[in-house]
């Protein structure tokens, strides 16, 4: 069960990174995110 849960978290992490990376710097700024913060935001999204 842990393997499946870990895999799902990893997929959610990668999806979040990919989607945020597609945004322009201006769009990220509107969201209050710097490009360098994308991995941190993705990790937080997966910890829920």
Protein backbone atom coordinates (compact mmCIF):
# COMPACT_ATOMS: atom_id res chain seq x y z
CA UNK A 1 0.00 0.00 0.00
CA UNK A 2 2.86 2.41 0.75
CA UNK A 3 4.30 1.90 -2.72
CA UNK A 4 1.04 2.89 -4.35
CA UNK A 5 0.65 5.93 -2.09
CA UNK A 6 4.25 6.98 -2.75
CA UNK A 7 3.78 6.60 -6.48
CA UNK A 8 0.60 8.69 -6.42
CA UNK A 9 2.37 11.43 -4.44
CA UNK A 10 5.27 11.39 -6.89
CA UNK A 11 2.87 11.65 -9.84
CA UNK A 12 1.06 14.60 -8.19
CA UNK A 13 4.45 16.24 -7.52
CA UNK A 14 5.58 15.84 -11.15
CA UNK A 15 2.20 17.04 -12.48
CA UNK A 16 2.37 20.15 -10.29
CA UNK A 17 5.94 20.90 -11.36
CA UNK A 18 5.08 20.45 -15.02
CA UNK A 19 1.98 22.64 -14.87
CA UNK A 20 3.66 25.45 -12.93
CA UNK A 21 6.68 25.33 -15.24
CA UNK A 22 4.40 26.03 -18.21
CA UNK A 23 3.36 29.38 -16.72
CA UNK A 24 5.17 32.57 -17.58
CA UNK A 25 7.11 34.43 -14.90
CA UNK A 26 4.39 37.08 -14.88
CA UNK A 27 1.67 34.49 -14.26
CA UNK A 28 3.71 32.93 -11.47
CA UNK A 29 4.22 36.39 -9.96
CA UNK A 30 0.44 36.89 -9.99
CA UNK A 31 0.14 33.69 -7.96
CA UNK A 32 2.86 34.86 -5.57
CA UNK A 33 5.35 32.22 -6.67
CA UNK A 34 8.93 32.67 -7.91
CA UNK A 35 10.17 30.18 -10.47
CA UNK A 36 12.72 28.92 -7.94
CA UNK A 37 9.90 28.09 -5.50
CA UNK A 38 8.13 25.66 -7.85
CA UNK A 39 9.63 22.49 -6.25
CA UNK A 40 8.69 23.74 -2.77
CA UNK A 41 5.12 24.49 -3.84
CA UNK A 42 4.88 21.05 -5.48
CA UNK A 43 6.14 19.34 -2.31
CA UNK A 44 3.57 21.20 -0.24
CA UNK A 45 0.82 20.19 -2.66
CA UNK A 46 1.79 16.52 -2.22
CA UNK A 47 1.93 16.59 1.55
CA UNK A 48 -1.83 17.05 1.82
